[in-house]
Amino acid sequence: MNEKAISFDQKIINITSAVSIASGKKKRRTEEENREFNQDWTESFAFICNTDGLPTCLICHEKLAHNKKSNLERHFTTKHTQFAGKYPTGDARKKADEELQKNNNSQVSC
């Protein structure tokens, strides 16, 4: 990067900081929201809570950053549509989730 770009970026950061300080508003921090993993999400979206407290997909083992239902639902509907079609909600999905959990010994459910 050249000096002008760096200087411009620094000005934007300084302006943003000044505005937030002047308005008295703090940035919203998700860590302070005390979000907890809901056990119903295991059956609905095939997620478990790992040892770090993060939701982890039982199908692809991807970890999401926050315990938010909307994030889990979006991941499940966009990346695992075949699983959702093959195992509709109910007993079939519950059995499939249990089987995935058995195969996933490295994760601990919260």
PDB file of N, CA and C in Angstrom:
ATOM      1  N   MET A   1       0.839  -1.195   0.000  1.00  0.00           N
ATOM      2  CA  MET A   1       0.000   0.000   0.000  1.00  0.00           C
ATOM      3  C   MET A   1       0.876   1.249   0.000  1.00  0.00           C
ATOM      4  N   ASN A   2       0.370   2.305  -0.592  1.00  0.00           N
ATOM      5  CA  ASN A   2       1.129   3.547  -0.564  1.00  0.00           C
ATOM      6  C   ASN A   2       0.744   4.362   0.670  1.00  0.00           C
ATOM      7  N   GLU A   3       1.490   5.454   0.894  1.00  0.00           N
ATOM      8  CA  GLU A   3       1.262   6.261   2.084  1.00  0.00           C
ATOM      9  C   GLU A   3      -0.120   6.901   2.091  1.00  0.00           C
ATOM     10  N   LYS A   4      -0.619   7.278   0.929  1.00  0.00           N
ATOM     11  CA  LYS A   4      -1.931   7.925   0.863  1.00  0.00           C
ATOM     12  C   LYS A   4      -3.032   6.973   1.313  1.00  0.00           C
ATOM     13  N   ALA A   5      -2.957   5.716   0.900  1.00  0.00           N
ATOM     14  CA  ALA A   5      -3.974   4.733   1.288  1.00  0.00           C
ATOM     15  C   ALA A   5      -3.932   4.481   2.785  1.00  0.00           C
ATOM     16  N   ILE A   6      -2.735   4.336   3.325  1.00  0.00           N
ATOM     17  CA  ILE A   6      -2.604   4.096   4.763  1.00  0.00           C
ATOM     18  C   ILE A   6      -3.102   5.312   5.538  1.00  0.00           C
ATOM     19  N   SER A   7      -2.720   6.480   5.084  1.00  0.00           N
ATOM     20  CA  SER A   7      -3.157   7.703   5.736  1.00  0.00           C
ATOM     21  C   SER A   7      -4.679   7.819   5.697  1.00  0.00           C
ATOM     22  N   PHE A   8      -5.275   7.515   4.561  1.00  0.00           N
ATOM     23  CA  PHE A   8      -6.724   7.572   4.410  1.00  0.00           C
ATOM     24  C   PHE A   8      -7.402   6.579   5.349  1.00  0.00           C
ATOM     25  N   ASP A   9      -6.889   5.336   5.429  1.00  0.00           N
ATOM     26  CA  ASP A   9      -7.453   4.328   6.323  1.00  0.00           C
ATOM     27  C   ASP A   9      -7.363   4.762   7.777  1.00  0.00           C
ATOM     28  N   GLN A  10      -6.246   5.343   8.145  1.00  0.00           N
ATOM     29  CA  GLN A  10      -6.079   5.794   9.518  1.00  0.00           C
ATOM     30  C   GLN A  10      -7.063   6.911   9.851  1.00  0.00           C
ATOM     31  N   LYS A  11      -7.319   7.785   8.886  1.00  0.00           N
ATOM     32  CA  LYS A  11      -8.275   8.872   9.115  1.00  0.00           C
ATOM     33  C   LYS A  11      -9.678   8.319   9.325  1.00  0.00           C
ATOM     34  N   ILE A  12     -10.041   7.304   8.552  1.00  0.00           N
ATOM     35  CA  ILE A  12     -11.363   6.697   8.711  1.00  0.00           C
ATOM     36  C   ILE A  12     -11.494   6.068  10.091  1.00  0.00           C
ATOM     37  N   ILE A  13     -10.458   5.357  10.515  1.00  0.00           N
ATOM     38  CA  ILE A  13     -10.476   4.727  11.837  1.00  0.00           C
ATOM     39  C   ILE A  13     -10.569   5.798  12.917  1.00  0.00           C
ATOM     40  N   ASN A  14      -9.797   6.865  12.792  1.00  0.00           N
ATOM     41  CA  ASN A  14      -9.822   7.934  13.786  1.00  0.00           C
ATOM     42  C   ASN A  14     -11.178   8.624  13.819  1.00  0.00           C
ATOM     43  N   ILE A  15     -11.774   8.844  12.657  1.00  0.00           N
ATOM     44  CA  ILE A  15     -13.088   9.484  12.607  1.00  0.00           C
ATOM     45  C   ILE A  15     -14.133   8.579  13.248  1.00  0.00           C
ATOM     46  N   THR A  16     -14.083   7.276  12.939  1.00  0.00           N
ATOM     47  CA  THR A  16     -15.025   6.323  13.521  1.00  0.00           C
ATOM     48  C   THR A  16     -14.890   6.291  15.039  1.00  0.00           C
ATOM     49  N   SER A  17     -13.666   6.268  15.535  1.00  0.00           N
ATOM     50  CA  SER A  17     -13.434   6.258  16.978  1.00  0.00           C
ATOM     51  C   SER A  17     -13.952   7.536  17.615  1.00  0.00           C
ATOM     52  N   ALA A  18     -13.701   8.668  16.971  1.00  0.00           N
ATOM     53  CA  ALA A  18     -14.143   9.949  17.513  1.00  0.00           C
ATOM     54  C   ALA A  18     -15.666  10.023  17.571  1.00  0.00           C
ATOM     55  N   VAL A  19     -16.335   9.522  16.547  1.00  0.00           N
ATOM     56  CA  VAL A  19     -17.795   9.551  16.520  1.00  0.00           C
ATOM     57  C   VAL A  19     -18.365   8.687  17.635  1.00  0.00           C
ATOM     58  N   SER A  20     -17.811   7.477  17.815  1.00  0.00           N
ATOM     59  CA  SER A  20     -18.334   6.594  18.861  1.00  0.00           C
ATOM     60  C   SER A  20     -18.058   7.157  20.252  1.00  0.00           C
ATOM     61  N   ILE A  21     -16.927   7.807  20.432  1.00  0.00           N
ATOM     62  CA  ILE A  21     -16.624   8.408  21.727  1.00  0.00           C
ATOM     63  C   ILE A  21     -17.536   9.611  21.967  1.00  0.00           C
ATOM     64  N   ALA A  22     -17.710  10.435  20.943  1.00  0.00           N
ATOM     65  CA  ALA A  22     -18.530  11.642  21.080  1.00  0.00           C
ATOM     66  C   ALA A  22     -19.993  11.294  21.344  1.00  0.00           C
ATOM     67  N   SER A  23     -20.483  10.246  20.729  1.00  0.00           N
ATOM     68  CA  SER A  23     -21.888   9.893  20.912  1.00  0.00           C
ATOM     69  C   SER A  23     -22.118   9.138  22.218  1.00  0.00           C
ATOM     70  N   GLY A  24     -21.052   8.661  22.833  1.00  0.00           N
ATOM     71  CA  GLY A  24     -21.187   7.943  24.101  1.00  0.00           C
ATOM     72  C   GLY A  24     -21.638   6.504  23.936  1.00  0.00           C
ATOM     73  N   LYS A  25     -21.752   6.046  22.709  1.00  0.00           N
ATOM     74  CA  LYS A  25     -22.199   4.675  22.461  1.00  0.00           C
ATOM     75  C   LYS A  25     -20.998   3.736  22.409  1.00  0.00           C
ATOM     76  N   LYS A  26     -21.185   2.574  22.992  1.00  0.00           N
ATOM     77  CA  LYS A  26     -20.167   1.540  22.914  1.00  0.00           C
ATOM     78  C   LYS A  26     -20.510   0.622  21.757  1.00  0.00           C
ATOM     79  N   LYS A  27     -19.483  -0.017  21.218  1.00  0.00           N
ATOM     80  CA  LYS A  27     -19.748  -1.038  20.220  1.00  0.00           C
ATOM     81  C   LYS A  27     -20.382  -2.232  20.912  1.00  0.00           C
ATOM     82  N   ARG A  28     -21.290  -2.858  20.215  1.00  0.00           N
ATOM     83  CA  ARG A  28     -21.972  -4.030  20.755  1.00  0.00           C
ATOM     84  C   ARG A  28     -21.017  -5.215  20.754  1.00  0.00           C
ATOM     85  N   ARG A  29     -20.908  -5.890  21.878  1.00  0.00           N
ATOM     86  CA  ARG A  29     -20.020  -7.046  21.996  1.00  0.00           C
ATOM     87  C   ARG A  29     -20.865  -8.293  22.233  1.00  0.00           C
ATOM     88  N   THR A  30     -20.715  -9.275  21.358  1.00  0.00           N
ATOM     89  CA  THR A  30     -21.521 -10.484  21.476  1.00  0.00           C
ATOM     90  C   THR A  30     -21.120 -11.312  22.692  1.00  0.00           C
ATOM     91  N   GLU A  31     -19.889 -11.151  23.173  1.00  0.00           N
ATOM     92  CA  GLU A  31     -19.460 -11.902  24.347  1.00  0.00           C
ATOM     93  C   GLU A  31     -20.279 -11.506  25.577  1.00  0.00           C
ATOM     94  N   GLU A  32     -20.760 -10.287  25.582  1.00  0.00           N
ATOM     95  CA  GLU A  32     -21.512  -9.783  26.723  1.00  0.00           C
ATOM     96  C   GLU A  32     -22.993 -10.159  26.674  1.00  0.00           C
ATOM     97  N   GLU A  33     -23.429 -10.802  25.599  1.00  0.00           N
ATOM     98  CA  GLU A  33     -24.838 -11.148  25.458  1.00  0.00           C
ATOM     99  C   GLU A  33     -25.206 -12.459  26.142  1.00  0.00           C
ATOM    100  N   ASN A  34     -24.222 -13.186  26.644  1.00  0.00           N
ATOM    101  CA  ASN A  34     -24.447 -14.441  27.366  1.00  0.00           C
ATOM    102  C   ASN A  34     -25.316 -15.424  26.582  1.00  0.00           C
ATOM    103  N   ARG A  35     -24.986 -15.626  25.342  1.00  0.00           N
ATOM    104  CA  ARG A  35     -25.739 -16.566  24.520  1.00  0.00           C
ATOM    105  C   ARG A  35     -25.349 -17.988  24.894  1.00  0.00           C
ATOM    106  N   GLU A  36     -26.333 -18.847  25.018  1.00  0.00           N
ATOM    107  CA  GLU A  36     -26.084 -20.242  25.364  1.00  0.00           C
ATOM    108  C   GLU A  36     -26.619 -21.148  24.272  1.00  0.00           C
ATOM    109  N   PHE A  37     -25.983 -22.288  24.136  1.00  0.00           N
ATOM    110  CA  PHE A  37     -26.404 -23.266  23.145  1.00  0.00           C
ATOM    111  C   PHE A  37     -27.723 -23.896  23.588  1.00  0.00           C
ATOM    112  N   ASN A  38     -28.652 -23.988  22.674  1.00  0.00           N
ATOM    113  CA  ASN A  38     -29.955 -24.593  22.949  1.00  0.00           C
ATOM    114  C   ASN A  38     -29.918 -26.042  22.452  1.00  0.00           C
ATOM    115  N   GLN A  39     -30.194 -27.000  23.317  1.00  0.00           N
ATOM    116  CA  GLN A  39     -30.115 -28.416  22.959  1.00  0.00           C
ATOM    117  C   GLN A  39     -31.080 -28.798  21.835  1.00  0.00           C
ATOM    118  N   ASP A  40     -32.149 -28.048  21.646  1.00  0.00           N
ATOM    119  CA  ASP A  40     -33.085 -28.319  20.552  1.00  0.00           C
ATOM    120  C   ASP A  40     -32.427 -28.137  19.185  1.00  0.00           C
ATOM    121  N   TRP A  41     -31.364 -27.339  19.117  1.00  0.00           N
ATOM    122  CA  TRP A  41     -30.670 -27.098  17.853  1.00  0.00           C
ATOM    123  C   TRP A  41     -29.969 -28.347  17.332  1.00  0.00           C
ATOM    124  N   THR A  42     -29.680 -29.300  18.217  1.00  0.00           N
ATOM    125  CA  THR A  42     -29.046 -30.537  17.773  1.00  0.00           C
ATOM    126  C   THR A  42     -29.974 -31.278  16.831  1.00  0.00           C
ATOM    127  N   GLU A  43     -31.216 -31.407  17.199  1.00  0.00           N
ATOM    128  CA  GLU A  43     -32.169 -32.115  16.348  1.00  0.00           C
ATOM    129  C   GLU A  43     -32.587 -31.271  15.144  1.00  0.00           C
ATOM    130  N   SER A  44     -32.740 -29.990  15.344  1.00  0.00           N
ATOM    131  CA  SER A  44     -33.210 -29.127  14.256  1.00  0.00           C
ATOM    132  C   SER A  44     -32.160 -28.891  13.177  1.00  0.00           C
ATOM    133  N   PHE A  45     -30.911 -28.643  13.590  1.00  0.00           N
ATOM    134  CA  PHE A  45     -29.888 -28.206  12.638  1.00  0.00           C
ATOM    135  C   PHE A  45     -28.621 -29.067  12.650  1.00  0.00           C
ATOM    136  N   ALA A  46     -28.599 -30.161  13.401  1.00  0.00           N
ATOM    137  CA  ALA A  46     -27.447 -31.077  13.482  1.00  0.00           C
ATOM    138  C   ALA A  46     -26.200 -30.364  14.001  1.00  0.00           C
ATOM    139  N   PHE A  47     -26.344 -29.627  15.076  1.00  0.00           N
ATOM    140  CA  PHE A  47     -25.226 -28.954  15.735  1.00  0.00           C
ATOM    141  C   PHE A  47     -25.104 -29.429  17.171  1.00  0.00           C
ATOM    142  N   ILE A  48     -23.868 -29.446  17.673  1.00  0.00           N
ATOM    143  CA  ILE A  48     -23.614 -29.673  19.091  1.00  0.00           C
ATOM    144  C   ILE A  48     -22.750 -28.531  19.592  1.00  0.00           C
ATOM    145  N   CYS A  49     -22.632 -28.439  20.884  1.00  0.00           N
ATOM    146  CA  CYS A  49     -21.775 -27.434  21.503  1.00  0.00           C
ATOM    147  C   CYS A  49     -20.445 -28.114  21.829  1.00  0.00           C
ATOM    148  N   ASN A  50     -19.338 -27.578  21.311  1.00  0.00           N
ATOM    149  CA  ASN A  50     -18.042 -28.211  21.573  1.00  0.00           C
ATOM    150  C   ASN A  50     -17.465 -27.755  22.909  1.00  0.00           C
ATOM    151  N   THR A  51     -16.269 -28.212  23.221  1.00  0.00           N
ATOM    152  CA  THR A  51     -15.655 -27.913  24.523  1.00  0.00           C
ATOM    153  C   THR A  51     -15.366 -26.421  24.705  1.00  0.00           C
ATOM    154  N   ASP A  52     -15.253 -25.672  23.597  1.00  0.00           N
ATOM    155  CA  ASP A  52     -15.022 -24.232  23.673  1.00  0.00           C
ATOM    156  C   ASP A  52     -16.317 -23.439  23.821  1.00  0.00           C
ATOM    157  N   GLY A  53     -17.455 -24.137  23.797  1.00  0.00           N
ATOM    158  CA  GLY A  53     -18.740 -23.471  23.884  1.00  0.00           C
ATOM    159  C   GLY A  53     -19.264 -22.982  22.544  1.00  0.00           C
ATOM    160  N   LEU A  54     -18.591 -23.368  21.462  1.00  0.00           N
ATOM    161  CA  LEU A  54     -19.019 -22.940  20.129  1.00  0.00           C
ATOM    162  C   LEU A  54     -19.878 -24.009  19.474  1.00  0.00           C
ATOM    163  N   PRO A  55     -20.874 -23.606  18.695  1.00  0.00           N
ATOM    164  CA  PRO A  55     -21.675 -24.592  17.972  1.00  0.00           C
ATOM    165  C   PRO A  55     -20.848 -25.223  16.851  1.00  0.00           C
ATOM    166  N   THR A  56     -20.897 -26.550  16.768  1.00  0.00           N
ATOM    167  CA  THR A  56     -20.135 -27.292  15.769  1.00  0.00           C
ATOM    168  C   THR A  56     -21.081 -28.189  14.990  1.00  0.00           C
ATOM    169  N   CYS A  57     -20.985 -28.123  13.673  1.00  0.00           N
ATOM    170  CA  CYS A  57     -21.847 -28.913  12.802  1.00  0.00           C
ATOM    171  C   CYS A  57     -21.444 -30.386  12.878  1.00  0.00           C
ATOM    172  N   LEU A  58     -22.415 -31.260  13.075  1.00  0.00           N
ATOM    173  CA  LEU A  58     -22.150 -32.690  13.130  1.00  0.00           C
ATOM    174  C   LEU A  58     -21.853 -33.271  11.749  1.00  0.00           C
ATOM    175  N   ILE A  59     -22.286 -32.606  10.709  1.00  0.00           N
ATOM    176  CA  ILE A  59     -22.131 -33.127   9.361  1.00  0.00           C
ATOM    177  C   ILE A  59     -20.760 -32.772   8.780  1.00  0.00           C
ATOM    178  N   CYS A  60     -20.408 -31.483   8.809  1.00  0.00           N
ATOM    179  CA  CYS A  60     -19.140 -31.053   8.191  1.00  0.00           C
ATOM    180  C   CYS A  60     -18.093 -30.604   9.215  1.00  0.00           C
ATOM    181  N   HIS A  61     -18.427 -30.597  10.490  1.00  0.00           N
ATOM    182  CA  HIS A  61     -17.530 -30.252  11.598  1.00  0.00           C
ATOM    183  C   HIS A  61     -17.077 -28.793  11.583  1.00  0.00           C
ATOM    184  N   GLU A  62     -17.821 -27.942  10.902  1.00  0.00           N
ATOM    185  CA  GLU A  62     -17.500 -26.522  10.894  1.00  0.00           C
ATOM    186  C   GLU A  62     -17.957 -25.896  12.202  1.00  0.00           C
ATOM    187  N   LYS A  63     -17.119 -25.017  12.754  1.00  0.00           N
ATOM    188  CA  LYS A  63     -17.449 -24.307  13.989  1.00  0.00           C
ATOM    189  C   LYS A  63     -17.948 -22.920  13.632  1.00  0.00           C
ATOM    190  N   LEU A  64     -19.043 -22.520  14.242  1.00  0.00           N
ATOM    191  CA  LEU A  64     -19.563 -21.170  14.038  1.00  0.00           C
ATOM    192  C   LEU A  64     -19.118 -20.287  15.194  1.00  0.00           C
ATOM    193  N   ALA A  65     -19.077 -18.999  14.954  1.00  0.00           N
ATOM    194  CA  ALA A  65     -18.519 -18.067  15.927  1.00  0.00           C
ATOM    195  C   ALA A  65     -19.441 -17.756  17.097  1.00  0.00           C
ATOM    196  N   HIS A  66     -20.763 -17.840  16.878  1.00  0.00           N
ATOM    197  CA  HIS A  66     -21.694 -17.411  17.915  1.00  0.00           C
ATOM    198  C   HIS A  66     -22.852 -18.395  18.058  1.00  0.00           C
ATOM    199  N   ASN A  67     -23.380 -18.485  19.260  1.00  0.00           N
ATOM    200  CA  ASN A  67     -24.555 -19.312  19.537  1.00  0.00           C
ATOM    201  C   ASN A  67     -25.813 -18.527  19.175  1.00  0.00           C
ATOM    202  N   LYS A  68     -26.083 -18.451  17.883  1.00  0.00           N
ATOM    203  CA  LYS A  68     -27.279 -17.765  17.410  1.00  0.00           C
ATOM    204  C   LYS A  68     -28.041 -18.710  16.494  1.00  0.00           C
ATOM    205  N   LYS A  69     -29.330 -18.849  16.769  1.00  0.00           N
ATOM    206  CA  LYS A  69     -30.156 -19.762  15.997  1.00  0.00           C
ATOM    207  C   LYS A  69     -30.123 -19.420  14.511  1.00  0.00           C
ATOM    208  N   SER A  70     -30.159 -18.143  14.178  1.00  0.00           N
ATOM    209  CA  SER A  70     -30.183 -17.742  12.769  1.00  0.00           C
ATOM    210  C   SER A  70     -28.920 -18.185  12.031  1.00  0.00           C
ATOM    211  N   ASN A  71     -27.773 -18.131  12.694  1.00  0.00           N
ATOM    212  CA  ASN A  71     -26.525 -18.566  12.060  1.00  0.00           C
ATOM    213  C   ASN A  71     -26.536 -20.073  11.814  1.00  0.00           C
ATOM    214  N   LEU A  72     -27.006 -20.838  12.796  1.00  0.00           N
ATOM    215  CA  LEU A  72     -27.063 -22.284  12.645  1.00  0.00           C
ATOM    216  C   LEU A  72     -28.050 -22.674  11.548  1.00  0.00           C
ATOM    217  N   GLU A  73     -29.193 -22.020  11.544  1.00  0.00           N
ATOM    218  CA  GLU A  73     -30.220 -22.317  10.544  1.00  0.00           C
ATOM    219  C   GLU A  73     -29.718 -21.997   9.134  1.00  0.00           C
ATOM    220  N   ARG A  74     -29.062 -20.851   8.971  1.00  0.00           N
ATOM    221  CA  ARG A  74     -28.530 -20.471   7.655  1.00  0.00           C
ATOM    222  C   ARG A  74     -27.485 -21.477   7.188  1.00  0.00           C
ATOM    223  N   HIS A  75     -26.577 -21.890   8.077  1.00  0.00           N
ATOM    224  CA  HIS A  75     -25.562 -22.877   7.723  1.00  0.00           C
ATOM    225  C   HIS A  75     -26.221 -24.177   7.266  1.00  0.00           C
ATOM    226  N   PHE A  76     -27.183 -24.645   8.034  1.00  0.00           N
ATOM    227  CA  PHE A  76     -27.839 -25.920   7.743  1.00  0.00           C
ATOM    228  C   PHE A  76     -28.598 -25.860   6.424  1.00  0.00           C
ATOM    229  N   THR A  77     -29.347 -24.794   6.205  1.00  0.00           N
ATOM    230  CA  THR A  77     -30.179 -24.727   4.995  1.00  0.00           C
ATOM    231  C   THR A  77     -29.358 -24.472   3.734  1.00  0.00           C
ATOM    232  N   THR A  78     -28.235 -23.796   3.854  1.00  0.00           N
ATOM    233  CA  THR A  78     -27.437 -23.523   2.659  1.00  0.00           C
ATOM    234  C   THR A  78     -26.444 -24.628   2.334  1.00  0.00           C
ATOM    235  N   LYS A  79     -25.905 -25.284   3.341  1.00  0.00           N
ATOM    236  CA  LYS A  79     -24.845 -26.268   3.090  1.00  0.00           C
ATOM    237  C   LYS A  79     -25.297 -27.715   3.172  1.00  0.00           C
ATOM    238  N   HIS A  80     -26.432 -27.979   3.796  1.00  0.00           N
ATOM    239  CA  HIS A  80     -26.849 -29.370   4.007  1.00  0.00           C
ATOM    240  C   HIS A  80     -28.287 -29.606   3.566  1.00  0.00           C
ATOM    241  N   THR A  81     -28.631 -29.130   2.385  1.00  0.00           N
ATOM    242  CA  THR A  81     -29.994 -29.299   1.884  1.00  0.00           C
ATOM    243  C   THR A  81     -30.320 -30.767   1.617  1.00  0.00           C
ATOM    244  N   GLN A  82     -29.324 -31.543   1.180  1.00  0.00           N
ATOM    245  CA  GLN A  82     -29.564 -32.970   0.922  1.00  0.00           C
ATOM    246  C   GLN A  82     -29.879 -33.703   2.218  1.00  0.00           C
ATOM    247  N   PHE A  83     -29.174 -33.379   3.275  1.00  0.00           N
ATOM    248  CA  PHE A  83     -29.431 -34.005   4.577  1.00  0.00           C
ATOM    249  C   PHE A  83     -30.845 -33.665   5.048  1.00  0.00           C
ATOM    250  N   ALA A  84     -31.231 -32.410   4.878  1.00  0.00           N
ATOM    251  CA  ALA A  84     -32.570 -31.967   5.297  1.00  0.00           C
ATOM    252  C   ALA A  84     -33.651 -32.692   4.495  1.00  0.00           C
ATOM    253  N   GLY A  85     -33.390 -32.933   3.216  1.00  0.00           N
ATOM    254  CA  GLY A  85     -34.366 -33.641   2.393  1.00  0.00           C
ATOM    255  C   GLY A  85     -34.431 -35.123   2.706  1.00  0.00           C
ATOM    256  N   LYS A  86     -33.277 -35.704   2.982  1.00  0.00           N
ATOM    257  CA  LYS A  86     -33.216 -37.145   3.266  1.00  0.00           C
ATOM    258  C   LYS A  86     -33.780 -37.475   4.641  1.00  0.00           C
ATOM    259  N   TYR A  87     -33.552 -36.590   5.603  1.00  0.00           N
ATOM    260  CA  TYR A  87     -34.024 -36.803   6.979  1.00  0.00           C
ATOM    261  C   TYR A  87     -34.897 -35.631   7.401  1.00  0.00           C
ATOM    262  N   PRO A  88     -36.173 -35.663   7.049  1.00  0.00           N
ATOM    263  CA  PRO A  88     -37.055 -34.569   7.482  1.00  0.00           C
ATOM    264  C   PRO A  88     -37.190 -34.569   9.004  1.00  0.00           C
ATOM    265  N   THR A  89     -37.648 -33.484   9.547  1.00  0.00           N
ATOM    266  CA  THR A  89     -37.758 -33.379  11.009  1.00  0.00           C
ATOM    267  C   THR A  89     -38.622 -34.509  11.558  1.00  0.00           C
ATOM    268  N   GLY A  90     -38.257 -34.948  12.733  1.00  0.00           N
ATOM    269  CA  GLY A  90     -38.979 -36.047  13.372  1.00  0.00           C
ATOM    270  C   GLY A  90     -38.028 -37.163  13.760  1.00  0.00           C
ATOM    271  N   ASP A  91     -38.556 -38.377  13.807  1.00  0.00           N
ATOM    272  CA  ASP A  91     -37.769 -39.526  14.264  1.00  0.00           C
ATOM    273  C   ASP A  91     -36.574 -39.820  13.354  1.00  0.00           C
ATOM    274  N   ALA A  92     -36.758 -39.701  12.053  1.00  0.00           N
ATOM    275  CA  ALA A  92     -35.663 -39.983  11.121  1.00  0.00           C
ATOM    276  C   ALA A  92     -34.490 -39.032  11.353  1.00  0.00           C
ATOM    277  N   ARG A  93     -34.790 -37.752  11.530  1.00  0.00           N
ATOM    278  CA  ARG A  93     -33.731 -36.765  11.777  1.00  0.00           C
ATOM    279  C   ARG A  93     -33.072 -37.021  13.117  1.00  0.00           C
ATOM    280  N   LYS A  94     -33.872 -37.353  14.127  1.00  0.00           N
ATOM    281  CA  LYS A  94     -33.340 -37.598  15.466  1.00  0.00           C
ATOM    282  C   LYS A  94     -32.368 -38.780  15.451  1.00  0.00           C
ATOM    283  N   LYS A  95     -32.735 -39.855  14.754  1.00  0.00           N
ATOM    284  CA  LYS A  95     -31.858 -41.026  14.656  1.00  0.00           C
ATOM    285  C   LYS A  95     -30.582 -40.690  13.907  1.00  0.00           C
ATOM    286  N   ALA A  96     -30.689 -39.914  12.839  1.00  0.00           N
ATOM    287  CA  ALA A  96     -29.502 -39.524  12.070  1.00  0.00           C
ATOM    288  C   ALA A  96     -28.575 -38.664  12.922  1.00  0.00           C
ATOM    289  N   ASP A  97     -29.135 -37.743  13.693  1.00  0.00           N
ATOM    290  CA  ASP A  97     -28.320 -36.902  14.578  1.00  0.00           C
ATOM    291  C   ASP A  97     -27.619 -37.732  15.651  1.00  0.00           C
ATOM    292  N   GLU A  98     -28.323 -38.700  16.214  1.00  0.00           N
ATOM    293  CA  GLU A  98     -27.708 -39.569  17.223  1.00  0.00           C
ATOM    294  C   GLU A  98     -26.556 -40.360  16.626  1.00  0.00           C
ATOM    295  N   GLU A  99     -26.724 -40.834  15.403  1.00  0.00           N
ATOM    296  CA  GLU A  99     -25.665 -41.592  14.735  1.00  0.00           C
ATOM    297  C   GLU A  99     -24.448 -40.701  14.457  1.00  0.00           C
ATOM    298  N   LEU A 100     -24.701 -39.478  14.044  1.00  0.00           N
ATOM    299  CA  LEU A 100     -23.605 -38.537  13.813  1.00  0.00           C
ATOM    300  C   LEU A 100     -22.865 -38.233  15.112  1.00  0.00           C
ATOM    301  N   GLN A 101     -23.604 -38.122  16.213  1.00  0.00           N
ATOM    302  CA  GLN A 101     -22.970 -37.861  17.498  1.00  0.00           C
ATOM    303  C   GLN A 101     -22.101 -39.034  17.936  1.00  0.00           C
ATOM    304  N   LYS A 102     -22.567 -40.260  17.687  1.00  0.00           N
ATOM    305  CA  LYS A 102     -21.772 -41.443  18.042  1.00  0.00           C
ATOM    306  C   LYS A 102     -20.466 -41.465  17.261  1.00  0.00           C
ATOM    307  N   ASN A 103     -20.538 -41.079  15.991  1.00  0.00           N
ATOM    308  CA  ASN A 103     -19.346 -41.062  15.143  1.00  0.00           C
ATOM    309  C   ASN A 103     -18.406 -39.922  15.483  1.00  0.00           C
ATOM    310  N   ASN A 104     -18.882 -38.972  16.234  1.00  0.00           N
ATOM    311  CA  ASN A 104     -18.115 -37.778  16.555  1.00  0.00           C
ATOM    312  C   ASN A 104     -17.667 -37.812  18.007  1.00  0.00           C
ATOM    313  N   ASN A 105     -16.704 -38.639  18.329  1.00  0.00           N
ATOM    314  CA  ASN A 105     -16.247 -38.803  19.715  1.00  0.00           C
ATOM    315  C   ASN A 105     -15.373 -37.671  20.219  1.00  0.00           C
ATOM    316  N   SER A 106     -14.785 -36.899  19.313  1.00  0.00           N
ATOM    317  CA  SER A 106     -13.864 -35.846  19.744  1.00  0.00           C
ATOM    318  C   SER A 106     -14.583 -34.624  20.289  1.00  0.00           C
ATOM    319  N   GLN A 107     -15.869 -34.492  20.027  1.00  0.00           N
ATOM    320  CA  GLN A 107     -16.625 -33.340  20.511  1.00  0.00           C
ATOM    321  C   GLN A 107     -17.409 -33.735  21.760  1.00  0.00           C
ATOM    322  N   VAL A 108     -17.564 -32.792  22.662  1.00  0.00           N
ATOM    323  CA  VAL A 108     -18.324 -33.026  23.881  1.00  0.00           C
ATOM    324  C   VAL A 108     -19.554 -32.135  23.851  1.00  0.00           C
ATOM    325  N   SER A 109     -20.697 -32.688  24.085  1.00  0.00           N
ATOM    326  CA  SER A 109     -21.929 -31.913  24.076  1.00  0.00           C
ATOM    327  C   SER A 109     -22.058 -31.145  25.381  1.00  0.00           C
ATOM    328  N   CYS A 110     -22.522 -29.886  25.288  1.00  0.00           N
ATOM    329  CA  CYS A 110     -22.678 -29.031  26.484  1.00  0.00           C
ATOM    330  C   CYS A 110     -23.938 -29.374  27.233  1.00  0.00           C
TER     331      CYS A 110
END
